[in-house]
Amino acid sequence: MGLGGCGQLARLGIGDTPIAQVTSNPSQHPEVTIHGQVVNLVSLFGQGAYDVRDNSGDIWVVAAHGVPALNTTVTVEGTPLQGLSLGSQTVGVALKEVRRF
C-alpha cells in the first residue's frame, strides 16, 4: 500500500523546506512546510506561538489553535510573515500556521 496524499508525506518530513531558506527569502515561499523540534513557547493574549528548530535554523510559528508541547517534533504548513512582534520582541520572519501534523 502506498502513501496516499501530501499529508502523509508531510508527517514523515518529506518535501519540507529548510527553515534557513524560509527566513532568508520569505517572498520566495508563499506557502511552505517545515519540520523540526519545538524549542520555545509563548502565549499572547489568548494566542500562542512556538519556536521550531531544524538543523538549518529556527522560526517562530503563530499557532492557528493551541501550541504543541515543548521538545516535540512537528511538521507545519504555513505562510511566512515579516516583521512580527511577539510581546516586546520583534522577529524578522515568522510562519502563520495553516496546518500542523
N, C-alpha and C. Protein backbone atom coordinates (compact mmCIF):
# COMPACT_ATOMS: atom_id res chain seq x y z
N MET A 1 0.84 -1.19 0.00
CA MET A 1 0.00 0.00 0.00
C MET A 1 0.88 1.24 0.00
N GLY A 2 0.61 2.21 -0.87
CA GLY A 2 1.42 3.42 -0.98
C GLY A 2 0.96 4.51 -0.04
N LEU A 3 1.74 5.55 0.01
CA LEU A 3 1.37 6.72 0.80
C LEU A 3 0.37 7.53 0.00
N GLY A 4 -0.80 7.75 0.54
CA GLY A 4 -1.86 8.42 -0.20
C GLY A 4 -1.99 9.88 0.17
N GLY A 5 -1.31 10.75 -0.53
CA GLY A 5 -1.53 12.18 -0.33
C GLY A 5 -0.36 12.89 0.31
N CYS A 6 -0.39 14.19 0.13
CA CYS A 6 0.69 15.04 0.63
C CYS A 6 0.74 15.07 2.15
N GLY A 7 -0.41 14.96 2.82
CA GLY A 7 -0.44 14.99 4.28
C GLY A 7 0.39 13.90 4.90
N GLN A 8 0.30 12.69 4.35
CA GLN A 8 1.09 11.59 4.90
C GLN A 8 2.58 11.80 4.65
N LEU A 9 2.94 12.33 3.50
CA LEU A 9 4.34 12.62 3.23
C LEU A 9 4.87 13.69 4.18
N ALA A 10 4.05 14.73 4.43
CA ALA A 10 4.46 15.81 5.33
C ALA A 10 4.69 15.28 6.73
N ARG A 11 3.85 14.37 7.18
CA ARG A 11 4.04 13.81 8.52
C ARG A 11 5.39 13.12 8.67
N LEU A 12 5.92 12.64 7.56
CA LEU A 12 7.22 11.97 7.56
C LEU A 12 8.37 12.95 7.34
N GLY A 13 8.05 14.23 7.15
CA GLY A 13 9.09 15.23 6.92
C GLY A 13 9.60 15.24 5.50
N ILE A 14 8.87 14.61 4.57
CA ILE A 14 9.27 14.55 3.17
C ILE A 14 8.68 15.76 2.45
N GLY A 15 9.51 16.49 1.74
CA GLY A 15 9.05 17.65 1.00
C GLY A 15 9.07 18.94 1.80
N ASP A 16 9.68 18.92 2.97
CA ASP A 16 9.75 20.14 3.77
C ASP A 16 10.88 21.04 3.29
N THR A 17 10.78 22.31 3.64
CA THR A 17 11.77 23.32 3.27
C THR A 17 12.63 23.63 4.48
N PRO A 18 13.96 23.66 4.34
CA PRO A 18 14.80 24.06 5.46
C PRO A 18 14.41 25.45 5.97
N ILE A 19 14.37 25.61 7.27
CA ILE A 19 13.94 26.86 7.87
C ILE A 19 14.82 28.03 7.41
N ALA A 20 16.11 27.82 7.26
CA ALA A 20 17.01 28.90 6.82
C ALA A 20 16.61 29.45 5.45
N GLN A 21 16.08 28.61 4.57
CA GLN A 21 15.63 29.09 3.26
C GLN A 21 14.41 30.01 3.40
N VAL A 22 13.53 29.67 4.34
CA VAL A 22 12.32 30.47 4.56
C VAL A 22 12.70 31.82 5.17
N THR A 23 13.57 31.82 6.18
CA THR A 23 13.91 33.06 6.86
C THR A 23 14.78 33.97 6.01
N SER A 24 15.59 33.41 5.12
CA SER A 24 16.47 34.24 4.30
C SER A 24 15.75 34.88 3.13
N ASN A 25 14.68 34.26 2.64
CA ASN A 25 13.96 34.81 1.50
C ASN A 25 12.49 34.40 1.55
N PRO A 26 11.73 34.97 2.49
CA PRO A 26 10.34 34.54 2.68
C PRO A 26 9.44 34.79 1.46
N SER A 27 9.74 35.78 0.64
CA SER A 27 8.89 36.07 -0.51
C SER A 27 8.94 34.96 -1.57
N GLN A 28 9.97 34.15 -1.55
CA GLN A 28 10.07 33.02 -2.48
C GLN A 28 9.24 31.83 -2.02
N HIS A 29 8.72 31.89 -0.80
CA HIS A 29 7.99 30.76 -0.23
C HIS A 29 6.62 31.22 0.26
N PRO A 30 5.66 31.48 -0.65
CA PRO A 30 4.35 31.96 -0.21
C PRO A 30 3.61 30.96 0.67
N GLU A 31 3.86 29.67 0.47
CA GLU A 31 3.33 28.64 1.36
C GLU A 31 4.42 27.59 1.49
N VAL A 32 4.67 27.15 2.70
CA VAL A 32 5.82 26.31 2.96
C VAL A 32 5.49 25.25 4.01
N THR A 33 6.23 24.15 3.97
CA THR A 33 6.14 23.12 5.00
C THR A 33 7.50 23.00 5.66
N ILE A 34 7.52 23.10 6.99
CA ILE A 34 8.77 22.95 7.75
C ILE A 34 8.62 21.76 8.70
N HIS A 35 9.75 21.26 9.17
CA HIS A 35 9.76 20.11 10.08
C HIS A 35 10.88 20.33 11.09
N GLY A 36 10.56 20.24 12.37
CA GLY A 36 11.60 20.43 13.38
C GLY A 36 11.08 20.23 14.79
N GLN A 37 11.91 20.59 15.75
CA GLN A 37 11.61 20.42 17.17
C GLN A 37 11.15 21.74 17.78
N VAL A 38 10.13 21.67 18.64
CA VAL A 38 9.63 22.84 19.35
C VAL A 38 10.61 23.14 20.48
N VAL A 39 11.23 24.34 20.44
CA VAL A 39 12.26 24.68 21.42
C VAL A 39 11.85 25.82 22.36
N ASN A 40 10.71 26.47 22.09
CA ASN A 40 10.24 27.55 22.95
C ASN A 40 8.76 27.77 22.69
N LEU A 41 8.05 28.29 23.69
CA LEU A 41 6.61 28.57 23.58
C LEU A 41 6.33 29.93 24.19
N VAL A 42 5.25 30.59 23.71
CA VAL A 42 4.81 31.84 24.30
C VAL A 42 3.30 31.96 24.11
N SER A 43 2.64 32.60 25.08
CA SER A 43 1.21 32.84 24.98
C SER A 43 0.99 34.34 24.89
N LEU A 44 0.19 34.77 23.93
CA LEU A 44 -0.04 36.20 23.69
C LEU A 44 -1.53 36.49 23.65
N PHE A 45 -2.07 37.04 24.72
CA PHE A 45 -3.47 37.47 24.72
C PHE A 45 -4.41 36.42 24.14
N GLY A 46 -4.30 35.20 24.61
CA GLY A 46 -5.14 34.12 24.13
C GLY A 46 -4.65 33.47 22.85
N GLN A 47 -3.61 34.02 22.27
CA GLN A 47 -2.99 33.44 21.08
C GLN A 47 -1.69 32.77 21.51
N GLY A 48 -1.22 31.83 20.71
CA GLY A 48 0.02 31.16 21.05
C GLY A 48 0.99 31.16 19.89
N ALA A 49 2.25 31.05 20.22
CA ALA A 49 3.30 30.92 19.22
C ALA A 49 4.35 29.95 19.78
N TYR A 50 5.05 29.31 18.86
CA TYR A 50 6.09 28.38 19.28
C TYR A 50 7.25 28.45 18.30
N ASP A 51 8.44 28.22 18.81
CA ASP A 51 9.68 28.31 18.05
C ASP A 51 10.08 26.91 17.60
N VAL A 52 10.23 26.73 16.28
CA VAL A 52 10.60 25.42 15.72
C VAL A 52 12.03 25.52 15.18
N ARG A 53 12.84 24.53 15.49
CA ARG A 53 14.25 24.49 15.05
C ARG A 53 14.52 23.22 14.25
N ASP A 54 15.19 23.39 13.12
CA ASP A 54 15.74 22.25 12.39
C ASP A 54 17.25 22.43 12.33
N ASN A 55 17.95 21.61 11.55
CA ASN A 55 19.41 21.71 11.53
C ASN A 55 19.92 22.94 10.78
N SER A 56 19.01 23.75 10.19
CA SER A 56 19.45 24.95 9.47
C SER A 56 19.13 26.25 10.21
N GLY A 57 18.25 26.20 11.19
CA GLY A 57 17.88 27.41 11.92
C GLY A 57 16.57 27.25 12.67
N ASP A 58 15.98 28.37 13.08
CA ASP A 58 14.71 28.30 13.78
C ASP A 58 13.79 29.42 13.32
N ILE A 59 12.49 29.23 13.56
CA ILE A 59 11.48 30.20 13.16
C ILE A 59 10.31 30.12 14.14
N TRP A 60 9.75 31.29 14.47
CA TRP A 60 8.55 31.33 15.31
C TRP A 60 7.34 31.03 14.43
N VAL A 61 6.42 30.25 14.98
CA VAL A 61 5.19 29.87 14.30
C VAL A 61 4.02 30.40 15.11
N VAL A 62 3.14 31.17 14.47
CA VAL A 62 1.93 31.66 15.12
C VAL A 62 0.88 30.55 14.99
N ALA A 63 0.47 30.01 16.13
CA ALA A 63 -0.43 28.86 16.14
C ALA A 63 -1.84 29.22 15.69
N ALA A 64 -2.44 28.33 14.90
CA ALA A 64 -3.84 28.50 14.48
C ALA A 64 -4.77 28.16 15.64
N HIS A 65 -4.37 27.20 16.45
CA HIS A 65 -5.13 26.80 17.63
C HIS A 65 -4.22 25.99 18.55
N GLY A 66 -4.05 26.46 19.76
CA GLY A 66 -3.19 25.78 20.73
C GLY A 66 -1.74 25.68 20.27
N VAL A 67 -0.89 25.32 21.18
CA VAL A 67 0.52 25.13 20.86
C VAL A 67 0.92 23.70 21.20
N PRO A 68 1.87 23.14 20.47
CA PRO A 68 2.34 21.79 20.79
C PRO A 68 3.20 21.81 22.05
N ALA A 69 3.47 20.66 22.57
CA ALA A 69 4.31 20.55 23.77
C ALA A 69 5.77 20.85 23.44
N LEU A 70 6.46 21.41 24.41
CA LEU A 70 7.88 21.70 24.28
C LEU A 70 8.64 20.42 24.00
N ASN A 71 9.65 20.49 23.16
CA ASN A 71 10.54 19.38 22.79
C ASN A 71 9.90 18.32 21.90
N THR A 72 8.69 18.58 21.38
CA THR A 72 8.09 17.63 20.44
C THR A 72 8.53 17.98 19.02
N THR A 73 8.45 17.01 18.14
CA THR A 73 8.77 17.22 16.74
C THR A 73 7.47 17.45 15.98
N VAL A 74 7.45 18.51 15.17
CA VAL A 74 6.24 18.88 14.42
C VAL A 74 6.58 19.12 12.96
N THR A 75 5.56 18.97 12.14
CA THR A 75 5.61 19.38 10.74
C THR A 75 4.50 20.40 10.59
N VAL A 76 4.83 21.56 10.03
CA VAL A 76 3.89 22.67 9.95
C VAL A 76 3.82 23.20 8.52
N GLU A 77 2.60 23.38 8.02
CA GLU A 77 2.38 24.09 6.76
C GLU A 77 1.95 25.50 7.13
N GLY A 78 2.50 26.49 6.45
CA GLY A 78 2.13 27.86 6.79
C GLY A 78 2.58 28.88 5.77
N THR A 79 2.28 30.14 6.10
CA THR A 79 2.60 31.28 5.27
C THR A 79 3.57 32.19 6.01
N PRO A 80 4.70 32.53 5.40
CA PRO A 80 5.66 33.42 6.06
C PRO A 80 5.10 34.82 6.33
N LEU A 81 5.45 35.38 7.48
CA LEU A 81 5.09 36.73 7.88
C LEU A 81 6.38 37.48 8.15
N GLN A 82 6.46 38.76 7.78
CA GLN A 82 7.66 39.54 8.04
C GLN A 82 7.37 40.60 9.08
N GLY A 83 8.34 40.84 9.98
CA GLY A 83 8.23 41.90 10.98
C GLY A 83 7.20 41.64 12.06
N LEU A 84 7.05 40.39 12.49
CA LEU A 84 6.07 40.04 13.51
C LEU A 84 6.58 40.41 14.90
N SER A 85 5.71 41.00 15.74
CA SER A 85 6.05 41.32 17.13
C SER A 85 5.44 40.29 18.05
N LEU A 86 6.26 39.72 18.92
CA LEU A 86 5.82 38.78 19.94
C LEU A 86 6.06 39.44 21.29
N GLY A 87 5.04 40.07 21.82
CA GLY A 87 5.22 40.84 23.05
C GLY A 87 6.16 41.99 22.79
N SER A 88 7.25 42.06 23.54
CA SER A 88 8.22 43.14 23.36
C SER A 88 9.32 42.78 22.36
N GLN A 89 9.28 41.56 21.83
CA GLN A 89 10.31 41.09 20.91
C GLN A 89 9.79 41.13 19.47
N THR A 90 10.58 41.65 18.55
CA THR A 90 10.24 41.63 17.13
C THR A 90 11.11 40.59 16.44
N VAL A 91 10.46 39.70 15.71
CA VAL A 91 11.20 38.69 14.96
C VAL A 91 11.13 39.05 13.49
N GLY A 92 12.20 38.81 12.76
CA GLY A 92 12.25 39.19 11.36
C GLY A 92 11.22 38.46 10.51
N VAL A 93 11.21 37.13 10.60
CA VAL A 93 10.29 36.32 9.81
C VAL A 93 9.68 35.28 10.74
N ALA A 94 8.38 35.10 10.62
CA ALA A 94 7.67 34.07 11.36
C ALA A 94 6.80 33.31 10.36
N LEU A 95 6.12 32.30 10.84
CA LEU A 95 5.26 31.50 9.99
C LEU A 95 3.86 31.49 10.59
N LYS A 96 2.86 31.80 9.80
CA LYS A 96 1.46 31.71 10.23
C LYS A 96 0.99 30.30 9.91
N GLU A 97 0.68 29.55 10.97
CA GLU A 97 0.30 28.15 10.83
C GLU A 97 -1.03 28.00 10.08
N VAL A 98 -1.02 27.13 9.08
CA VAL A 98 -2.24 26.76 8.37
C VAL A 98 -2.67 25.37 8.84
N ARG A 99 -1.67 24.47 8.95
CA ARG A 99 -1.95 23.10 9.37
C ARG A 99 -0.72 22.54 10.06
N ARG A 100 -0.95 21.73 11.08
CA ARG A 100 0.15 21.10 11.83
C ARG A 100 -0.07 19.60 11.88
N PHE A 101 1.02 18.86 11.70
CA PHE A 101 0.98 17.40 11.78
C PHE A 101 1.73 16.94 13.00
